[in-house]
C-alpha atoms as a PDB file:
ATOM      1  CA  UNK A   1     124.552 167.249 197.127  1.00  0.00           C
ATOM      2  CA  UNK A   2     127.351 169.762 196.901  1.00  0.00           C
ATOM      3  CA  UNK A   3     130.504 169.093 194.987  1.00  0.00           C
ATOM      4  CA  UNK A   4     133.809 169.605 196.697  1.00  0.00           C
ATOM      5  CA  UNK A   5     136.310 172.139 195.388  1.00  0.00           C
ATOM      6  CA  UNK A   6     138.595 169.477 193.863  1.00  0.00           C
ATOM      7  CA  UNK A   7     135.858 167.878 191.729  1.00  0.00           C
ATOM      8  CA  UNK A   8     134.729 171.320 190.505  1.00  0.00           C
ATOM      9  CA  UNK A   9     138.308 172.132 189.434  1.00  0.00           C
ATOM     10  CA  UNK A  10     138.660 168.758 187.679  1.00  0.00           C
ATOM     11  CA  UNK A  11     135.401 169.334 185.835  1.00  0.00           C
ATOM     12  CA  UNK A  12     136.502 172.812 184.698  1.00  0.00           C
ATOM     13  CA  UNK A  13     139.853 171.393 183.584  1.00  0.00           C
ATOM     14  CA  UNK A  14     138.163 168.586 181.608  1.00  0.00           C
ATOM     15  CA  UNK A  15     135.694 170.982 179.999  1.00  0.00           C
ATOM     16  CA  UNK A  16     138.533 173.287 178.956  1.00  0.00           C
ATOM     17  CA  UNK A  17     139.435 170.713 176.272  1.00  0.00           C
ATOM     18  CA  UNK A  18     135.988 170.825 174.629  1.00  0.00           C
ATOM     19  CA  UNK A  19     136.265 172.191 171.095  1.00  0.00           C
ATOM     20  CA  UNK A  20     140.002 171.547 170.824  1.00  0.00           C
ATOM     21  CA  UNK A  21     141.504 169.242 168.227  1.00  0.00           C
ATOM     22  CA  UNK A  22     144.167 166.675 169.087  1.00  0.00           C
ATOM     23  CA  UNK A  23     145.659 164.876 166.076  1.00  0.00           C
ATOM     24  CA  UNK A  24     142.570 163.806 164.065  1.00  0.00           C
ATOM     25  CA  UNK A  25     140.062 163.976 166.973  1.00  0.00           C
ATOM     26  CA  UNK A  26     138.044 167.044 167.950  1.00  0.00           C
ATOM     27  CA  UNK A  27     136.540 166.842 171.451  1.00  0.00           C
ATOM     28  CA  UNK A  28     132.800 167.568 171.508  1.00  0.00           C
ATOM     29  CA  UNK A  29     132.037 166.873 175.188  1.00  0.00           C
ATOM     30  CA  UNK A  30     133.432 165.176 178.289  1.00  0.00           C
ATOM     31  CA  UNK A  31     131.773 162.976 180.902  1.00  0.00           C
ATOM     32  CA  UNK A  32     132.718 161.133 184.068  1.00  0.00           C
ATOM     33  CA  UNK A  33     132.695 157.329 184.272  1.00  0.00           C
ATOM     34  CA  UNK A  34     132.627 155.604 187.669  1.00  0.00           C
ATOM     35  CA  UNK A  35     134.585 152.353 187.723  1.00  0.00           C
ATOM     36  CA  UNK A  36     134.952 150.531 191.061  1.00  0.00           C
ATOM     37  CA  UNK A  37     134.856 153.763 193.016  1.00  0.00           C
ATOM     38  CA  UNK A  38     137.460 155.444 190.807  1.00  0.00           C
ATOM     39  CA  UNK A  39     136.237 158.045 188.394  1.00  0.00           C
ATOM     40  CA  UNK A  40     137.870 158.881 185.103  1.00  0.00           C
ATOM     41  CA  UNK A  41     137.006 161.170 182.224  1.00  0.00           C
ATOM     42  CA  UNK A  42     135.901 160.100 178.786  1.00  0.00           C
ATOM     43  CA  UNK A  43     135.074 162.284 175.835  1.00  0.00           C
ATOM     44  CA  UNK A  44     132.924 162.216 172.732  1.00  0.00           C
ATOM     45  CA  UNK A  45     135.021 163.100 169.691  1.00  0.00           C
ATOM     46  CA  UNK A  46     134.577 163.472 165.982  1.00  0.00           C
ATOM     47  CA  UNK A  47     137.376 162.278 163.716  1.00  0.00           C
ATOM     48  CA  UNK A  48     138.633 164.107 160.626  1.00  0.00           C
ATOM     49  CA  UNK A  49     137.076 161.301 158.530  1.00  0.00           C
ATOM     50  CA  UNK A  50     133.604 162.144 159.930  1.00  0.00           C
ATOM     51  CA  UNK A  51     133.082 159.247 162.336  1.00  0.00           C
ATOM     52  CA  UNK A  52     132.335 159.865 166.005  1.00  0.00           C
ATOM     53  CA  UNK A  53     134.130 158.025 168.773  1.00  0.00           C
ATOM     54  CA  UNK A  54     134.202 157.812 172.558  1.00  0.00           C
ATOM     55  CA  UNK A  55     137.706 157.759 174.049  1.00  0.00           C
ATOM     56  CA  UNK A  56     139.484 158.237 177.375  1.00  0.00           C
ATOM     57  CA  UNK A  57     140.160 161.950 177.680  1.00  0.00           C
ATOM     58  CA  UNK A  58     143.773 161.536 178.798  1.00  0.00           C
ATOM     59  CA  UNK A  59     144.498 159.199 175.852  1.00  0.00           C
ATOM     60  CA  UNK A  60     143.244 161.820 173.410  1.00  0.00           C
ATOM     61  CA  UNK A  61     145.182 164.643 175.079  1.00  0.00           C
ATOM     62  CA  UNK A  62     148.503 162.781 175.375  1.00  0.00           C
ATOM     63  CA  UNK A  63     148.267 161.376 171.819  1.00  0.00           C
ATOM     64  CA  UNK A  64     147.730 157.681 172.565  1.00  0.00           C
ATOM     65  CA  UNK A  65     144.384 157.877 170.706  1.00  0.00           C
ATOM     66  CA  UNK A  66     145.016 159.755 167.472  1.00  0.00           C
ATOM     67  CA  UNK A  67     141.976 158.829 165.399  1.00  0.00           C
ATOM     68  CA  UNK A  68     138.815 156.712 165.353  1.00  0.00           C
ATOM     69  CA  UNK A  69     140.686 153.818 163.734  1.00  0.00           C
ATOM     70  CA  UNK A  70     140.454 155.000 160.136  1.00  0.00           C
ATOM     71  CA  UNK A  71     144.205 155.613 159.839  1.00  0.00           C
ATOM     72  CA  UNK A  72     144.920 152.059 161.018  1.00  0.00           C
ATOM     73  CA  UNK A  73     142.845 150.740 158.095  1.00  0.00           C
ATOM     74  CA  UNK A  74     144.820 152.948 155.697  1.00  0.00           C
ATOM     75  CA  UNK A  75     148.168 151.691 157.060  1.00  0.00           C
ATOM     76  CA  UNK A  76     147.059 148.057 156.757  1.00  0.00           C
ATOM     77  CA  UNK A  77     145.858 148.648 153.201  1.00  0.00           C
ATOM     78  CA  UNK A  78     149.241 150.156 152.222  1.00  0.00           C
ATOM     79  CA  UNK A  79     151.006 147.144 153.739  1.00  0.00           C
ATOM     80  CA  UNK A  80     148.737 144.702 151.903  1.00  0.00           C
ATOM     81  CA  UNK A  81     149.211 146.691 148.683  1.00  0.00           C
ATOM     82  CA  UNK A  82     152.982 146.197 148.871  1.00  0.00           C
ATOM     83  CA  UNK A  83     152.522 142.494 149.570  1.00  0.00           C
ATOM     84  CA  UNK A  84     150.032 141.617 146.812  1.00  0.00           C
ATOM     85  CA  UNK A  85     150.551 144.184 144.032  1.00  0.00           C
ATOM     86  CA  UNK A  86     151.671 142.437 140.830  1.00  0.00           C
ATOM     87  CA  UNK A  87     150.857 138.890 142.005  1.00  0.00           C
ATOM     88  CA  UNK A  88     148.809 136.624 139.762  1.00  0.00           C
ATOM     89  CA  UNK A  89     145.911 134.475 141.024  1.00  0.00           C
ATOM     90  CA  UNK A  90     144.370 132.307 138.329  1.00  0.00           C
ATOM     91  CA  UNK A  91     143.901 134.688 135.392  1.00  0.00           C
ATOM     92  CA  UNK A  92     143.850 137.812 137.600  1.00  0.00           C
ATOM     93  CA  UNK A  93     146.838 140.081 138.120  1.00  0.00           C
ATOM     94  CA  UNK A  94     146.500 142.394 141.144  1.00  0.00           C
ATOM     95  CA  UNK A  95     146.939 146.046 140.128  1.00  0.00           C
ATOM     96  CA  UNK A  96     146.129 147.698 143.465  1.00  0.00           C
ATOM     97  CA  UNK A  97     144.433 147.165 146.818  1.00  0.00           C
ATOM     98  CA  UNK A  98     142.029 149.711 148.264  1.00  0.00           C
ATOM     99  CA  UNK A  99     139.391 150.159 150.946  1.00  0.00           C
ATOM    100  CA  UNK A 100     136.244 152.063 149.951  1.00  0.00           C
ATOM    101  CA  UNK A 101     135.863 155.516 151.540  1.00  0.00           C
ATOM    102  CA  UNK A 102     133.910 155.729 154.773  1.00  0.00           C
ATOM    103  CA  UNK A 103     130.183 156.162 154.245  1.00  0.00           C
ATOM    104  CA  UNK A 104     128.071 156.869 157.369  1.00  0.00           C
ATOM    105  CA  UNK A 105     125.212 154.829 155.877  1.00  0.00           C
ATOM    106  CA  UNK A 106     127.261 151.624 156.080  1.00  0.00           C
ATOM    107  CA  UNK A 107     128.809 150.194 159.250  1.00  0.00           C
ATOM    108  CA  UNK A 108     132.569 149.687 159.535  1.00  0.00           C
ATOM    109  CA  UNK A 109     132.331 145.934 159.016  1.00  0.00           C
ATOM    110  CA  UNK A 110     130.980 146.571 155.500  1.00  0.00           C
ATOM    111  CA  UNK A 111     134.234 148.271 154.447  1.00  0.00           C
ATOM    112  CA  UNK A 112     135.978 145.319 152.817  1.00  0.00           C
ATOM    113  CA  UNK A 113     139.362 145.525 151.136  1.00  0.00           C
ATOM    114  CA  UNK A 114     139.092 145.237 147.393  1.00  0.00           C
ATOM    115  CA  UNK A 115     141.551 144.254 144.692  1.00  0.00           C
ATOM    116  CA  UNK A 116     141.549 146.023 141.348  1.00  0.00           C
ATOM    117  CA  UNK A 117     142.688 143.281 138.980  1.00  0.00           C
ATOM    118  CA  UNK A 118     143.412 142.849 135.307  1.00  0.00           C
ATOM    119  CA  UNK A 119     142.283 139.612 133.735  1.00  0.00           C
ATOM    120  CA  UNK A 120     144.338 137.742 131.111  1.00  0.00           C
ATOM    121  CA  UNK A 121     141.664 138.768 128.566  1.00  0.00           C
ATOM    122  CA  UNK A 122     142.491 142.461 129.254  1.00  0.00           C
ATOM    123  CA  UNK A 123     139.378 143.439 131.252  1.00  0.00           C
ATOM    124  CA  UNK A 124     139.760 145.163 134.615  1.00  0.00           C
ATOM    125  CA  UNK A 125     137.549 144.069 137.480  1.00  0.00           C
ATOM    126  CA  UNK A 126     137.161 144.571 141.216  1.00  0.00           C
ATOM    127  CA  UNK A 127     137.048 141.635 143.607  1.00  0.00           C
ATOM    128  CA  UNK A 128     137.093 141.148 147.355  1.00  0.00           C
ATOM    129  CA  UNK A 129     140.560 140.599 148.773  1.00  0.00           C
ATOM    130  CA  UNK A 130     139.540 137.273 150.345  1.00  0.00           C
ATOM    131  CA  UNK A 131     137.903 135.986 147.134  1.00  0.00           C
ATOM    132  CA  UNK A 132     141.075 136.510 145.112  1.00  0.00           C
ATOM    133  CA  UNK A 133     143.549 135.107 147.650  1.00  0.00           C
ATOM    134  CA  UNK A 134     141.388 132.050 148.395  1.00  0.00           C
ATOM    135  CA  UNK A 135     141.040 131.247 144.669  1.00  0.00           C
ATOM    136  CA  UNK A 136     137.284 131.790 144.585  1.00  0.00           C
ATOM    137  CA  UNK A 137     137.655 134.550 141.973  1.00  0.00           C
ATOM    138  CA  UNK A 138     139.849 133.344 139.101  1.00  0.00           C
ATOM    139  CA  UNK A 139     138.829 135.652 136.259  1.00  0.00           C
ATOM    140  CA  UNK A 140     136.753 138.730 135.461  1.00  0.00           C
ATOM    141  CA  UNK A 141     133.912 136.457 134.401  1.00  0.00           C
ATOM    142  CA  UNK A 142     135.126 135.893 130.857  1.00  0.00           C
ATOM    143  CA  UNK A 143     135.859 132.192 131.466  1.00  0.00           C
ATOM    144  CA  UNK A 144     132.274 131.600 132.607  1.00  0.00           C
ATOM    145  CA  UNK A 145     130.883 133.443 129.561  1.00  0.00           C
ATOM    146  CA  UNK A 146     133.048 131.354 127.211  1.00  0.00           C
ATOM    147  CA  UNK A 147     131.787 128.125 128.829  1.00  0.00           C
ATOM    148  CA  UNK A 148     128.156 129.283 128.367  1.00  0.00           C
ATOM    149  CA  UNK A 149     128.792 130.148 124.718  1.00  0.00           C
ATOM    150  CA  UNK A 150     130.293 126.685 124.094  1.00  0.00           C
ATOM    151  CA  UNK A 151     127.312 124.909 125.668  1.00  0.00           C
ATOM    152  CA  UNK A 152     124.766 126.769 123.491  1.00  0.00           C
END
């Protein structure tokens, strides 16, 4: 089956973007996807954070897709940091909010937001964001240790 001149030109044009970097995404390869008789180009990319992603080629080129999603997590974390920093939950005062760095060994869903807190006893501890805001985590563990000491 021979390709017509137009499809050959489109393929050359799409492949001309391979190796180029747009925002945080570097295009590794392009491929054609057939959707209801209409074809469009997608590309495999690697983000500056190290994660790979598959995106529509035109979204990467025109800047609609700027990263794999890692920058969105950072923006949300900054927003949450402004909202919760300094608040007190039980005996815990929130010092900062952070998301652990991306590790290829762990999937994205394992990257939970964490609060670095200071307990009323002076100890610093790390707790999950949801545990602190729901009231599940109320201290660094000192209150539980004191109760055990009293019962002995």
